[in-house]
Amino acid sequence: MGVCHHEGFVGTTGFSSRGVCRQNEFVITRGLTSRRVCHHERFVVTTGLSSLAVCRQWEFVITRGLTSRRVCHHDGFVITSSLSSMGVCHHEGFDVTTGLSSRGVCRHDGFVITSGLSSMGVCHHEGFVVTEGLSSRAVCRYWGFVVSGVCRHWRFVLMMGLSSLGVCHLDAKTNRFEHRVKTLRGTDTLR
């Protein structure tokens, strides 16, 4: 059974259970073996899901190969394949991709965690990207940066190979960013 409580609902072939949308622009593709629910607009579930997928707001995407439950509490949350544990977003713009062996959490929008993370990744504001090869925690306190060893303004990316904590925040008085990297000797270097 395919059910939509608002406009823009598309349900394709291969449903073995029910699909429900509470608002518009909800798409469920073929090969679903369990229940898929979205409480707001622009929810997409693709093939190969074996368990429950839930979105509490819009722009939630779950792709194939999920073996457990995926939950988003706000919009712009994406979980892709090969997750072995639970992925949770507390605000918009959170992406978790392949190869996570533990929990991935974002506290605000625009946060991406990619493959190869062995621990928890946390973002406190929007537009934060953590790439592969991190063995510890990465935190950003403002949005839209690019980090490649140096902290800048918009489009901040924390690149691979960091083994400790990387922090970027905006100095509201000087309107500049400070990037602190904890060294092996336990001191902080300001770049």
N, C-alpha and C. Protein backbone atom coordinates (compact mmCIF):
# COMPACT_ATOMS: atom_id res chain seq x y z
N MET A 1 0.84 -1.20 0.00
CA MET A 1 0.00 0.00 0.00
C MET A 1 0.87 1.24 0.00
N GLY A 2 0.55 2.20 -0.87
CA GLY A 2 1.25 3.47 -0.89
C GLY A 2 0.28 4.59 -0.55
N VAL A 3 0.59 5.39 0.45
CA VAL A 3 -0.33 6.41 0.94
C VAL A 3 0.40 7.74 1.05
N CYS A 4 -0.24 8.82 0.57
CA CYS A 4 0.29 10.16 0.77
C CYS A 4 -0.82 11.06 1.29
N HIS A 5 -0.49 11.86 2.33
CA HIS A 5 -1.48 12.75 2.92
C HIS A 5 -1.41 14.16 2.35
N HIS A 6 -0.50 14.36 1.38
CA HIS A 6 -0.41 15.66 0.72
C HIS A 6 0.03 15.45 -0.72
N GLU A 7 0.28 16.50 -1.45
CA GLU A 7 0.55 16.41 -2.89
C GLU A 7 2.00 16.00 -3.16
N GLY A 8 2.23 15.60 -4.42
CA GLY A 8 3.59 15.33 -4.87
C GLY A 8 4.17 14.02 -4.38
N PHE A 9 3.36 13.02 -4.18
CA PHE A 9 3.83 11.72 -3.72
C PHE A 9 3.99 10.79 -4.90
N VAL A 10 5.15 10.14 -4.99
CA VAL A 10 5.38 9.16 -6.03
C VAL A 10 5.82 7.86 -5.39
N GLY A 11 5.15 6.78 -5.69
CA GLY A 11 5.56 5.47 -5.23
C GLY A 11 5.73 4.55 -6.43
N THR A 12 6.91 3.95 -6.57
CA THR A 12 7.17 3.09 -7.72
C THR A 12 6.99 1.63 -7.35
N THR A 13 7.52 0.75 -8.19
CA THR A 13 7.24 -0.68 -8.06
C THR A 13 8.01 -1.32 -6.92
N GLY A 14 7.54 -2.54 -6.54
CA GLY A 14 8.31 -3.38 -5.63
C GLY A 14 8.07 -3.13 -4.17
N PHE A 15 6.91 -2.60 -3.79
CA PHE A 15 6.63 -2.42 -2.38
C PHE A 15 6.14 -3.71 -1.77
N SER A 16 6.76 -4.13 -0.65
CA SER A 16 6.24 -5.26 0.07
C SER A 16 5.56 -4.83 1.36
N SER A 17 5.58 -3.55 1.65
CA SER A 17 4.94 -3.01 2.83
C SER A 17 4.40 -1.64 2.48
N ARG A 18 4.11 -0.82 3.45
CA ARG A 18 3.46 0.42 3.11
C ARG A 18 4.43 1.59 3.11
N GLY A 19 4.09 2.60 2.30
CA GLY A 19 4.86 3.84 2.22
C GLY A 19 3.94 5.00 2.51
N VAL A 20 4.35 5.88 3.40
CA VAL A 20 3.49 6.96 3.87
C VAL A 20 4.24 8.28 3.80
N CYS A 21 3.54 9.33 3.31
CA CYS A 21 4.09 10.67 3.36
C CYS A 21 3.08 11.61 3.97
N ARG A 22 3.51 12.44 4.90
CA ARG A 22 2.61 13.38 5.56
C ARG A 22 2.57 14.74 4.87
N GLN A 23 3.52 14.98 3.94
CA GLN A 23 3.49 16.22 3.18
C GLN A 23 3.94 15.97 1.76
N ASN A 24 4.29 17.01 1.03
CA ASN A 24 4.51 16.89 -0.41
C ASN A 24 5.94 16.49 -0.75
N GLU A 25 6.13 16.13 -2.04
CA GLU A 25 7.42 15.79 -2.63
C GLU A 25 8.09 14.62 -1.92
N PHE A 26 7.34 13.59 -1.72
CA PHE A 26 7.85 12.36 -1.12
C PHE A 26 8.00 11.31 -2.22
N VAL A 27 9.19 10.72 -2.31
CA VAL A 27 9.44 9.72 -3.33
C VAL A 27 9.96 8.46 -2.67
N ILE A 28 9.34 7.32 -2.97
CA ILE A 28 9.87 6.02 -2.57
C ILE A 28 10.10 5.22 -3.84
N THR A 29 11.30 4.67 -3.99
CA THR A 29 11.59 3.89 -5.18
C THR A 29 11.39 2.41 -4.88
N ARG A 30 11.76 1.57 -5.85
CA ARG A 30 11.45 0.16 -5.74
C ARG A 30 12.41 -0.56 -4.80
N GLY A 31 12.00 -1.77 -4.38
CA GLY A 31 12.85 -2.62 -3.57
C GLY A 31 12.78 -2.37 -2.08
N LEU A 32 11.76 -1.70 -1.61
CA LEU A 32 11.64 -1.49 -0.17
C LEU A 32 11.02 -2.72 0.47
N THR A 33 11.59 -3.15 1.60
CA THR A 33 11.09 -4.33 2.27
C THR A 33 10.43 -4.00 3.60
N SER A 34 10.35 -2.75 3.95
CA SER A 34 9.75 -2.38 5.23
C SER A 34 9.07 -1.03 5.09
N ARG A 35 8.71 -0.44 6.18
CA ARG A 35 7.93 0.79 6.16
C ARG A 35 8.83 2.01 6.05
N ARG A 36 8.42 2.99 5.23
CA ARG A 36 9.13 4.24 5.05
C ARG A 36 8.19 5.38 5.37
N VAL A 37 8.61 6.29 6.24
CA VAL A 37 7.73 7.36 6.69
C VAL A 37 8.47 8.70 6.62
N CYS A 38 7.78 9.73 6.11
CA CYS A 38 8.32 11.09 6.16
C CYS A 38 7.24 12.01 6.72
N HIS A 39 7.65 12.86 7.65
CA HIS A 39 6.71 13.77 8.27
C HIS A 39 6.70 15.15 7.64
N HIS A 40 7.54 15.35 6.62
CA HIS A 40 7.56 16.63 5.92
C HIS A 40 7.97 16.41 4.47
N GLU A 41 8.23 17.47 3.73
CA GLU A 41 8.40 17.39 2.28
C GLU A 41 9.80 16.93 1.89
N ARG A 42 9.92 16.50 0.62
CA ARG A 42 11.17 16.16 -0.04
C ARG A 42 11.91 15.03 0.66
N PHE A 43 11.22 13.98 0.90
CA PHE A 43 11.81 12.78 1.48
C PHE A 43 12.00 11.75 0.38
N VAL A 44 13.21 11.23 0.25
CA VAL A 44 13.50 10.24 -0.77
C VAL A 44 14.10 9.00 -0.12
N VAL A 45 13.54 7.86 -0.43
CA VAL A 45 14.13 6.58 -0.02
C VAL A 45 14.39 5.78 -1.28
N THR A 46 15.63 5.32 -1.43
CA THR A 46 15.97 4.56 -2.63
C THR A 46 15.99 3.07 -2.31
N THR A 47 16.64 2.30 -3.17
CA THR A 47 16.53 0.85 -3.12
C THR A 47 17.32 0.24 -1.98
N GLY A 48 16.94 -1.00 -1.64
CA GLY A 48 17.75 -1.86 -0.79
C GLY A 48 17.64 -1.59 0.69
N LEU A 49 16.61 -0.93 1.14
CA LEU A 49 16.47 -0.69 2.58
C LEU A 49 15.83 -1.91 3.23
N SER A 50 16.41 -2.33 4.36
CA SER A 50 15.91 -3.50 5.03
C SER A 50 15.26 -3.18 6.37
N SER A 51 15.19 -1.93 6.74
CA SER A 51 14.61 -1.57 8.02
C SER A 51 13.87 -0.24 7.89
N LEU A 52 13.59 0.37 9.00
CA LEU A 52 12.74 1.55 9.04
C LEU A 52 13.54 2.82 8.76
N ALA A 53 12.98 3.70 7.95
CA ALA A 53 13.60 4.99 7.66
C ALA A 53 12.60 6.08 8.00
N VAL A 54 13.03 7.07 8.78
CA VAL A 54 12.13 8.10 9.26
C VAL A 54 12.78 9.48 9.09
N CYS A 55 11.99 10.46 8.61
CA CYS A 55 12.45 11.84 8.56
C CYS A 55 11.40 12.72 9.21
N ARG A 56 11.84 13.62 10.08
CA ARG A 56 10.92 14.51 10.76
C ARG A 56 10.73 15.83 10.04
N GLN A 57 11.61 16.13 9.05
CA GLN A 57 11.41 17.31 8.23
C GLN A 57 11.84 17.03 6.81
N TRP A 58 12.11 18.05 6.01
CA TRP A 58 12.27 17.85 4.57
C TRP A 58 13.73 17.63 4.18
N GLU A 59 13.89 17.25 2.89
CA GLU A 59 15.19 17.01 2.26
C GLU A 59 15.97 15.91 2.95
N PHE A 60 15.32 14.82 3.24
CA PHE A 60 15.94 13.66 3.85
C PHE A 60 16.08 12.58 2.78
N VAL A 61 17.29 12.07 2.62
CA VAL A 61 17.55 11.04 1.62
C VAL A 61 18.20 9.84 2.29
N ILE A 62 17.68 8.65 2.02
CA ILE A 62 18.34 7.42 2.44
C ILE A 62 18.58 6.60 1.19
N THR A 63 19.81 6.18 0.99
CA THR A 63 20.12 5.39 -0.18
C THR A 63 20.20 3.91 0.19
N ARG A 64 20.71 3.12 -0.71
CA ARG A 64 20.64 1.67 -0.56
C ARG A 64 21.67 1.15 0.44
N GLY A 65 21.42 -0.07 0.91
CA GLY A 65 22.38 -0.79 1.74
C GLY A 65 22.31 -0.49 3.22
N LEU A 66 21.25 0.14 3.69
CA LEU A 66 21.13 0.39 5.12
C LEU A 66 20.57 -0.84 5.80
N THR A 67 21.17 -1.21 6.93
CA THR A 67 20.72 -2.39 7.65
C THR A 67 20.13 -2.05 9.00
N SER A 68 20.02 -0.79 9.33
CA SER A 68 19.50 -0.41 10.63
C SER A 68 18.65 0.85 10.48
N ARG A 69 18.28 1.43 11.57
CA ARG A 69 17.37 2.57 11.54
C ARG A 69 18.13 3.87 11.32
N ARG A 70 17.56 4.74 10.47
CA ARG A 70 18.14 6.04 10.17
C ARG A 70 17.11 7.11 10.49
N VAL A 71 17.50 8.13 11.27
CA VAL A 71 16.56 9.14 11.74
C VAL A 71 17.16 10.53 11.52
N CYS A 72 16.32 11.46 11.01
CA CYS A 72 16.72 12.86 10.92
C CYS A 72 15.67 13.72 11.59
N HIS A 73 16.12 14.65 12.43
CA HIS A 73 15.19 15.51 13.16
C HIS A 73 14.96 16.85 12.48
N HIS A 74 15.65 17.11 11.36
CA HIS A 74 15.44 18.34 10.63
C HIS A 74 15.76 18.11 9.15
N ASP A 75 15.84 19.14 8.37
CA ASP A 75 15.95 18.99 6.92
C ASP A 75 17.40 18.83 6.48
N GLY A 76 17.55 18.38 5.23
CA GLY A 76 18.86 18.27 4.62
C GLY A 76 19.73 17.18 5.20
N PHE A 77 19.16 16.08 5.61
CA PHE A 77 19.91 14.99 6.22
C PHE A 77 20.04 13.86 5.20
N VAL A 78 21.27 13.40 4.99
CA VAL A 78 21.50 12.32 4.05
C VAL A 78 22.32 11.24 4.72
N ILE A 79 21.85 10.00 4.64
CA ILE A 79 22.64 8.85 5.06
C ILE A 79 22.77 7.92 3.86
N THR A 80 23.99 7.55 3.53
CA THR A 80 24.19 6.67 2.39
C THR A 80 24.49 5.26 2.87
N SER A 81 25.07 4.44 2.00
CA SER A 81 25.19 3.01 2.23
C SER A 81 26.28 2.68 3.25
N SER A 82 26.25 1.41 3.67
CA SER A 82 27.30 0.77 4.48
C SER A 82 27.42 1.33 5.88
N LEU A 83 26.37 1.86 6.44
CA LEU A 83 26.42 2.26 7.84
C LEU A 83 26.17 1.05 8.70
N SER A 84 27.03 0.86 9.71
CA SER A 84 26.88 -0.28 10.59
C SER A 84 26.25 0.11 11.92
N SER A 85 25.94 1.37 12.09
CA SER A 85 25.33 1.81 13.34
C SER A 85 24.32 2.90 13.01
N MET A 86 23.86 3.59 14.00
CA MET A 86 22.80 4.56 13.83
C MET A 86 23.38 5.91 13.45
N GLY A 87 22.75 6.62 12.50
CA GLY A 87 23.12 7.97 12.11
C GLY A 87 22.01 8.93 12.49
N VAL A 88 22.33 10.00 13.19
CA VAL A 88 21.33 10.93 13.72
C VAL A 88 21.74 12.35 13.40
N CYS A 89 20.77 13.17 12.96
CA CYS A 89 21.02 14.60 12.76
C CYS A 89 20.03 15.39 13.59
N HIS A 90 20.53 16.39 14.32
CA HIS A 90 19.67 17.23 15.15
C HIS A 90 19.25 18.51 14.47
N HIS A 91 19.79 18.77 13.26
CA HIS A 91 19.39 19.94 12.50
C HIS A 91 19.65 19.67 11.02
N GLU A 92 19.55 20.65 10.19
CA GLU A 92 19.55 20.45 8.75
C GLU A 92 20.96 20.25 8.20
N GLY A 93 21.03 19.67 6.99
CA GLY A 93 22.27 19.61 6.24
C GLY A 93 23.29 18.64 6.77
N PHE A 94 22.89 17.50 7.27
CA PHE A 94 23.81 16.51 7.80
C PHE A 94 23.94 15.36 6.82
N ASP A 95 25.17 15.00 6.49
CA ASP A 95 25.43 13.87 5.60
C ASP A 95 26.33 12.86 6.29
N VAL A 96 25.94 11.63 6.26
CA VAL A 96 26.83 10.56 6.68
C VAL A 96 26.97 9.61 5.51
N THR A 97 28.20 9.36 5.07
CA THR A 97 28.42 8.46 3.95
C THR A 97 28.95 7.12 4.44
N THR A 98 29.65 6.42 3.58
CA THR A 98 30.01 5.03 3.83
C THR A 98 31.09 4.88 4.89
N GLY A 99 31.17 3.67 5.45
CA GLY A 99 32.32 3.25 6.23
C GLY A 99 32.35 3.76 7.65
N LEU A 100 31.24 4.20 8.20
CA LEU A 100 31.26 4.63 9.60
C LEU A 100 31.10 3.41 10.49
N SER A 101 32.00 3.32 11.49
CA SER A 101 31.93 2.22 12.42
C SER A 101 31.33 2.64 13.75
N SER A 102 30.97 3.89 13.88
CA SER A 102 30.40 4.38 15.13
C SER A 102 29.32 5.40 14.81
N ARG A 103 28.97 6.20 15.74
CA ARG A 103 27.86 7.11 15.60
C ARG A 103 28.30 8.43 14.97
N GLY A 104 27.47 8.99 14.09
CA GLY A 104 27.71 10.30 13.49
C GLY A 104 26.60 11.25 13.88
N VAL A 105 26.96 12.41 14.43
CA VAL A 105 25.97 13.34 14.97
C VAL A 105 26.29 14.76 14.50
N CYS A 106 25.26 15.50 14.10
CA CYS A 106 25.42 16.92 13.80
C CYS A 106 24.41 17.72 14.59
N ARG A 107 24.86 18.81 15.20
CA ARG A 107 23.98 19.64 16.01
C ARG A 107 23.36 20.79 15.23
N HIS A 108 23.84 21.03 14.00
CA HIS A 108 23.28 22.11 13.19
C HIS A 108 23.36 21.72 11.72
N ASP A 109 23.13 22.63 10.82
CA ASP A 109 22.98 22.28 9.41
C ASP A 109 24.33 22.29 8.69
N GLY A 110 24.33 21.68 7.50
CA GLY A 110 25.49 21.71 6.63
C GLY A 110 26.67 20.89 7.10
N PHE A 111 26.45 19.81 7.78
CA PHE A 111 27.53 18.99 8.31
C PHE A 111 27.64 17.70 7.50
N VAL A 112 28.85 17.36 7.10
CA VAL A 112 29.07 16.15 6.32
C VAL A 112 30.16 15.32 6.99
N ILE A 113 29.89 14.04 7.21
CA ILE A 113 30.91 13.11 7.65
C ILE A 113 31.05 12.06 6.55
N THR A 114 32.28 11.86 6.08
CA THR A 114 32.51 10.89 5.03
C THR A 114 33.11 9.62 5.60
N SER A 115 33.69 8.81 4.74
CA SER A 115 34.14 7.48 5.12
C SER A 115 35.39 7.51 5.99
N GLY A 116 35.65 6.39 6.66
CA GLY A 116 36.89 6.19 7.39
C GLY A 116 36.92 6.80 8.77
N LEU A 117 35.79 7.22 9.30
CA LEU A 117 35.79 7.75 10.65
C LEU A 117 35.70 6.61 11.65
N SER A 118 36.59 6.64 12.65
CA SER A 118 36.57 5.60 13.66
C SER A 118 35.98 6.08 14.96
N SER A 119 35.56 7.33 15.02
CA SER A 119 35.00 7.87 16.24
C SER A 119 33.88 8.83 15.89
N MET A 120 33.48 9.65 16.81
CA MET A 120 32.33 10.52 16.62
C MET A 120 32.76 11.83 15.98
N GLY A 121 31.96 12.34 15.03
CA GLY A 121 32.18 13.64 14.40
C GLY A 121 31.04 14.56 14.76
N VAL A 122 31.35 15.77 15.20
CA VAL A 122 30.33 16.70 15.69
C VAL A 122 30.54 18.07 15.05
N CYS A 123 29.44 18.70 14.63
CA CYS A 123 29.49 20.08 14.15
C CYS A 123 28.46 20.90 14.91
N HIS A 124 28.85 22.09 15.34
CA HIS A 124 27.96 22.95 16.11
C HIS A 124 27.30 24.03 15.28
N HIS A 125 27.62 24.10 13.99
CA HIS A 125 26.97 25.08 13.12
C HIS A 125 26.96 24.56 11.70
N GLU A 126 26.45 25.36 10.77
CA GLU A 126 26.18 24.90 9.42
C GLU A 126 27.43 24.93 8.54
N GLY A 127 27.35 24.21 7.42
CA GLY A 127 28.38 24.27 6.40
C GLY A 127 29.71 23.65 6.78
N PHE A 128 29.71 22.68 7.64
CA PHE A 128 30.94 22.05 8.10
C PHE A 128 31.12 20.70 7.42
N VAL A 129 32.32 20.46 6.90
CA VAL A 129 32.60 19.21 6.23
C VAL A 129 33.80 18.55 6.88
N VAL A 130 33.66 17.29 7.24
CA VAL A 130 34.78 16.49 7.72
C VAL A 130 35.01 15.39 6.70
N THR A 131 36.24 15.29 6.21
CA THR A 131 36.53 14.27 5.21
C THR A 131 37.16 13.06 5.87
N GLU A 132 37.64 12.13 5.05
CA GLU A 132 38.08 10.85 5.56
C GLU A 132 39.44 10.94 6.26
N GLY A 133 39.76 9.92 7.03
CA GLY A 133 41.05 9.82 7.69
C GLY A 133 41.11 10.45 9.06
N LEU A 134 39.98 10.86 9.62
CA LEU A 134 40.00 11.43 10.96
C LEU A 134 39.91 10.30 11.99
N SER A 135 40.80 10.37 12.99
CA SER A 135 40.76 9.35 14.03
C SER A 135 40.21 9.89 15.33
N SER A 136 39.83 11.15 15.36
CA SER A 136 39.30 11.73 16.58
C SER A 136 38.21 12.72 16.22
N ARG A 137 37.90 13.63 17.11
CA ARG A 137 36.75 14.51 16.95
C ARG A 137 37.12 15.76 16.17
N ALA A 138 36.20 16.24 15.35
CA ALA A 138 36.39 17.49 14.61
C ALA A 138 35.19 18.38 14.87
N VAL A 139 35.46 19.64 15.19
CA VAL A 139 34.40 20.55 15.60
C VAL A 139 34.55 21.88 14.86
N CYS A 140 33.44 22.41 14.36
CA CYS A 140 33.44 23.74 13.76
C CYS A 140 32.31 24.55 14.38
N ARG A 141 32.58 25.83 14.70
CA ARG A 141 31.59 26.64 15.37
C ARG A 141 30.98 27.71 14.46
N TYR A 142 31.30 27.68 13.19
CA TYR A 142 30.66 28.61 12.27
C TYR A 142 30.48 27.95 10.92
N TRP A 143 29.84 28.59 9.96
CA TRP A 143 29.44 27.90 8.74
C TRP A 143 30.31 28.27 7.55
N GLY A 144 30.26 27.40 6.52
CA GLY A 144 30.74 27.68 5.19
C GLY A 144 32.23 27.86 5.06
N PHE A 145 33.07 27.01 5.63
CA PHE A 145 34.50 27.20 5.60
C PHE A 145 35.17 26.21 4.68
N VAL A 146 36.47 26.41 4.49
CA VAL A 146 37.31 25.37 3.91
C VAL A 146 38.54 25.28 4.78
N VAL A 147 38.82 24.12 5.32
CA VAL A 147 40.03 23.90 6.11
C VAL A 147 40.92 22.95 5.36
N SER A 148 42.12 23.38 5.09
CA SER A 148 43.15 22.47 4.60
C SER A 148 44.42 22.84 5.33
N GLY A 149 44.37 22.70 6.63
CA GLY A 149 45.46 23.11 7.49
C GLY A 149 45.36 24.55 7.93
N VAL A 150 44.64 25.38 7.16
CA VAL A 150 44.47 26.78 7.51
C VAL A 150 42.98 27.08 7.57
N CYS A 151 42.60 27.90 8.54
CA CYS A 151 41.21 28.27 8.70
C CYS A 151 40.92 29.53 7.91
N ARG A 152 39.85 29.49 7.14
CA ARG A 152 39.44 30.64 6.36
C ARG A 152 37.99 30.97 6.63
N HIS A 153 37.44 31.86 5.76
CA HIS A 153 36.04 32.20 5.88
C HIS A 153 35.21 31.12 5.21
N TRP A 154 34.19 31.44 4.41
CA TRP A 154 33.21 30.49 3.89
C TRP A 154 33.85 29.22 3.33
N ARG A 155 33.04 28.17 3.26
CA ARG A 155 33.41 26.89 2.66
C ARG A 155 34.60 26.27 3.35
N PHE A 156 34.41 25.99 4.60
CA PHE A 156 35.44 25.43 5.45
C PHE A 156 35.40 23.91 5.36
N VAL A 157 36.54 23.31 5.02
CA VAL A 157 36.63 21.86 4.93
C VAL A 157 37.79 21.40 5.78
N LEU A 158 37.52 20.47 6.68
CA LEU A 158 38.56 19.85 7.47
C LEU A 158 39.06 18.63 6.69
N MET A 159 40.27 18.73 6.19
CA MET A 159 40.77 17.74 5.25
C MET A 159 41.30 16.51 5.97
N MET A 160 41.70 15.52 5.18
CA MET A 160 42.10 14.24 5.73
C MET A 160 43.47 14.32 6.42
N GLY A 161 43.73 13.32 7.26
CA GLY A 161 45.03 13.19 7.90
C GLY A 161 45.12 13.86 9.25
N LEU A 162 44.05 14.45 9.77
CA LEU A 162 44.10 15.03 11.10
C LEU A 162 43.90 13.92 12.12
N SER A 163 44.76 13.92 13.15
CA SER A 163 44.67 12.87 14.14
C SER A 163 44.19 13.38 15.48
N SER A 164 43.85 14.66 15.57
CA SER A 164 43.41 15.20 16.84
C SER A 164 42.28 16.19 16.59
N LEU A 165 42.06 17.06 17.52
CA LEU A 165 40.91 17.95 17.48
C LEU A 165 41.21 19.20 16.65
N GLY A 166 40.33 19.52 15.69
CA GLY A 166 40.45 20.75 14.92
C GLY A 166 39.25 21.63 15.18
N VAL A 167 39.50 22.91 15.53
CA VAL A 167 38.43 23.82 15.91
C VAL A 167 38.55 25.11 15.11
N CYS A 168 37.45 25.58 14.59
CA CYS A 168 37.40 26.89 13.94
C CYS A 168 36.24 27.68 14.51
N HIS A 169 36.47 28.94 14.83
CA HIS A 169 35.36 29.78 15.28
C HIS A 169 35.58 31.21 14.80
N LEU A 170 34.50 31.96 14.75
CA LEU A 170 34.54 33.34 14.28
C LEU A 170 34.72 34.27 15.46
N ASP A 171 35.71 35.18 15.33
CA ASP A 171 35.88 36.27 16.29
C ASP A 171 34.96 37.40 15.85
N ALA A 172 33.88 37.62 16.60
CA ALA A 172 32.88 38.59 16.18
C ALA A 172 33.42 40.02 16.16
N LYS A 173 34.40 40.32 17.00
CA LYS A 173 34.93 41.69 17.06
C LYS A 173 35.83 41.98 15.86
N THR A 174 36.68 41.03 15.50
CA THR A 174 37.63 41.26 14.40
C THR A 174 37.15 40.67 13.09
N ASN A 175 36.05 39.88 13.13
CA ASN A 175 35.50 39.23 11.94
C ASN A 175 36.54 38.34 11.25
N ARG A 176 37.35 37.66 12.03
CA ARG A 176 38.31 36.73 11.45
C ARG A 176 38.20 35.40 12.18
N PHE A 177 38.69 34.36 11.52
CA PHE A 177 38.64 33.02 12.07
C PHE A 177 39.97 32.64 12.68
N GLU A 178 39.91 31.85 13.71
CA GLU A 178 41.09 31.27 14.31
C GLU A 178 41.00 29.76 14.17
N HIS A 179 42.08 29.16 13.75
CA HIS A 179 42.13 27.71 13.61
C HIS A 179 43.18 27.17 14.56
N ARG A 180 42.75 26.38 15.53
CA ARG A 180 43.66 25.81 16.50
C ARG A 180 43.78 24.31 16.27
N VAL A 181 45.01 23.85 16.19
CA VAL A 181 45.28 22.43 16.03
C VAL A 181 46.14 21.97 17.19
N LYS A 182 45.66 20.96 17.87
CA LYS A 182 46.41 20.43 19.01
C LYS A 182 47.59 19.61 18.51
N THR A 183 48.78 19.96 18.96
CA THR A 183 49.97 19.27 18.50
C THR A 183 50.22 18.02 19.32
N LEU A 184 51.22 17.25 18.90
CA LEU A 184 51.54 16.01 19.60
C LEU A 184 52.05 16.26 21.00
N ARG A 185 52.60 17.48 21.22
CA ARG A 185 53.12 17.80 22.55
C ARG A 185 52.03 18.32 23.47
N GLY A 186 50.80 18.42 22.95
CA GLY A 186 49.69 18.82 23.81
C GLY A 186 49.43 20.30 23.83
N THR A 187 50.16 21.10 23.04
CA THR A 187 49.93 22.53 22.98
C THR A 187 49.11 22.85 21.75
N ASP A 188 48.53 24.06 21.75
CA ASP A 188 47.71 24.50 20.63
C ASP A 188 48.50 25.45 19.74
N THR A 189 48.42 25.25 18.45
CA THR A 189 49.01 26.18 17.50
C THR A 189 47.91 26.97 16.84
N LEU A 190 48.08 28.29 16.79
CA LEU A 190 47.09 29.18 16.19
C LEU A 190 47.54 29.55 14.80
N ARG A 191 46.67 29.28 13.81
CA ARG A 191 47.00 29.61 12.42
C ARG A 191 46.05 30.67 11.92
